[in-house]
Amino acid sequence: MYLASLINKGREAFTKGMTDPTALPAETILKMATINGAESVLWENEIGSLEVRKKADLVIVNPFSWSMLPLNDSISSLVYCMRTENIESVMCN
């Protein structure tokens, strides 16, 4: 997710000479990685969101790790500050 945000910001910097942090918000990046990813492989009825009768792979994150603080915006922290040491557990269906 972090790489997707950097690619877009790099394109903005190349074409306009500066970056616009609102061009691709963290919420959009999370949607690209989940719902839009499922739609791109035509599995939106099976995966992509937490709904009844859908499969889910869950990652439990420690939000109080040093790299996630301050936790003002949880989605932005997940996209921009996530590290492997923040992962507490993984559940796959």
Protein backbone atom coordinates (compact mmCIF):
# COMPACT_ATOMS: atom_id res chain seq x y z
CA MET A 1 0.00 0.00 0.00
CA TYR A 2 2.83 2.35 0.87
CA LEU A 3 4.46 1.74 -2.52
CA ALA A 4 1.23 2.60 -4.35
CA SER A 5 1.14 5.96 -2.61
CA LEU A 6 4.78 6.66 -3.49
CA ILE A 7 4.30 5.80 -7.16
CA ASN A 8 1.47 8.29 -7.48
CA LYS A 9 3.36 10.99 -5.60
CA GLY A 10 6.42 10.40 -7.78
CA ARG A 11 4.29 10.87 -10.88
CA GLU A 12 2.87 14.10 -9.45
CA ALA A 13 6.37 15.37 -8.67
CA PHE A 14 7.57 14.56 -12.19
CA THR A 15 4.65 16.20 -14.02
CA LYS A 16 3.93 19.16 -11.72
CA GLY A 17 7.21 19.65 -9.91
CA MET A 18 5.60 19.10 -6.50
CA THR A 19 3.56 16.52 -4.67
CA ASP A 20 -0.04 16.77 -3.58
CA PRO A 21 -0.60 14.67 -0.43
CA THR A 22 -4.37 14.70 -1.03
CA ALA A 23 -4.05 13.27 -4.57
CA LEU A 24 -4.25 9.70 -3.27
CA PRO A 25 -5.59 9.54 0.32
CA ALA A 26 -4.83 6.60 2.62
CA GLU A 27 -8.48 5.50 2.48
CA THR A 28 -8.25 5.18 -1.31
CA ILE A 29 -5.02 3.17 -1.05
CA LEU A 30 -6.64 0.77 1.45
CA LYS A 31 -9.64 0.36 -0.86
CA MET A 32 -7.28 -0.34 -3.79
CA ALA A 33 -5.62 -3.12 -1.78
CA THR A 34 -8.85 -4.75 -0.61
CA ILE A 35 -12.12 -4.16 -2.47
CA ASN A 36 -10.61 -3.06 -5.78
CA GLY A 37 -8.10 -5.92 -5.66
CA ALA A 38 -10.93 -8.44 -5.33
CA GLU A 39 -12.85 -6.79 -8.17
CA SER A 40 -9.80 -6.87 -10.44
CA VAL A 41 -9.63 -10.68 -10.21
CA LEU A 42 -13.45 -11.03 -10.39
CA TRP A 43 -13.71 -12.40 -6.83
CA GLU A 44 -15.66 -9.53 -5.27
CA ASN A 45 -18.38 -12.00 -4.15
CA GLU A 46 -15.83 -14.09 -2.22
CA ILE A 47 -13.15 -11.72 -0.86
CA GLY A 48 -12.29 -8.04 -0.52
CA SER A 49 -14.40 -6.94 2.44
CA LEU A 50 -15.55 -8.22 5.81
CA GLU A 51 -19.05 -9.53 5.13
CA VAL A 52 -21.10 -12.59 6.02
CA ARG A 53 -20.17 -15.68 3.93
CA LYS A 54 -17.01 -14.09 2.51
CA LYS A 55 -13.55 -15.51 3.08
CA ALA A 56 -11.21 -13.39 5.16
CA ASP A 57 -7.51 -13.17 5.84
CA LEU A 58 -6.99 -11.05 8.93
CA VAL A 59 -3.88 -9.37 10.27
CA ILE A 60 -3.86 -8.31 13.91
CA VAL A 61 -1.70 -5.23 14.33
CA ASN A 62 -0.18 -3.79 17.51
CA PRO A 63 -1.11 -0.10 17.20
CA PHE A 64 1.06 0.87 20.17
CA SER A 65 4.39 -0.06 18.60
CA TRP A 66 6.89 2.81 18.27
CA SER A 67 6.53 2.97 14.48
CA MET A 68 2.74 3.39 14.61
CA LEU A 69 2.70 6.31 17.07
CA PRO A 70 1.09 8.79 17.16
CA LEU A 71 -2.12 7.01 16.21
CA ASN A 72 -4.16 10.04 15.13
CA ASP A 73 -5.45 8.41 11.95
CA SER A 74 -5.47 4.61 12.05
CA ILE A 75 -5.84 4.13 8.28
CA SER A 76 -2.95 6.49 7.49
CA SER A 77 -0.82 4.75 10.12
CA LEU A 78 -1.64 1.37 8.58
CA VAL A 79 -0.70 2.57 5.07
CA TYR A 80 2.35 4.71 5.81
CA CYS A 81 3.83 3.41 9.09
CA MET A 82 3.20 -0.36 9.05
CA ARG A 83 6.23 -2.60 9.66
CA THR A 84 6.56 -6.35 10.04
CA GLU A 85 7.25 -6.03 13.76
CA ASN A 86 3.76 -4.48 14.20
CA ILE A 87 2.08 -7.77 13.23
CA GLU A 88 0.86 -9.72 16.25
CA SER A 89 -1.05 -12.53 14.50
CA VAL A 90 -2.35 -13.63 11.10
CA MET A 91 -5.51 -15.65 10.43
CA CYS A 92 -6.19 -17.13 6.98
CA ASN A 93 -9.44 -18.60 5.69
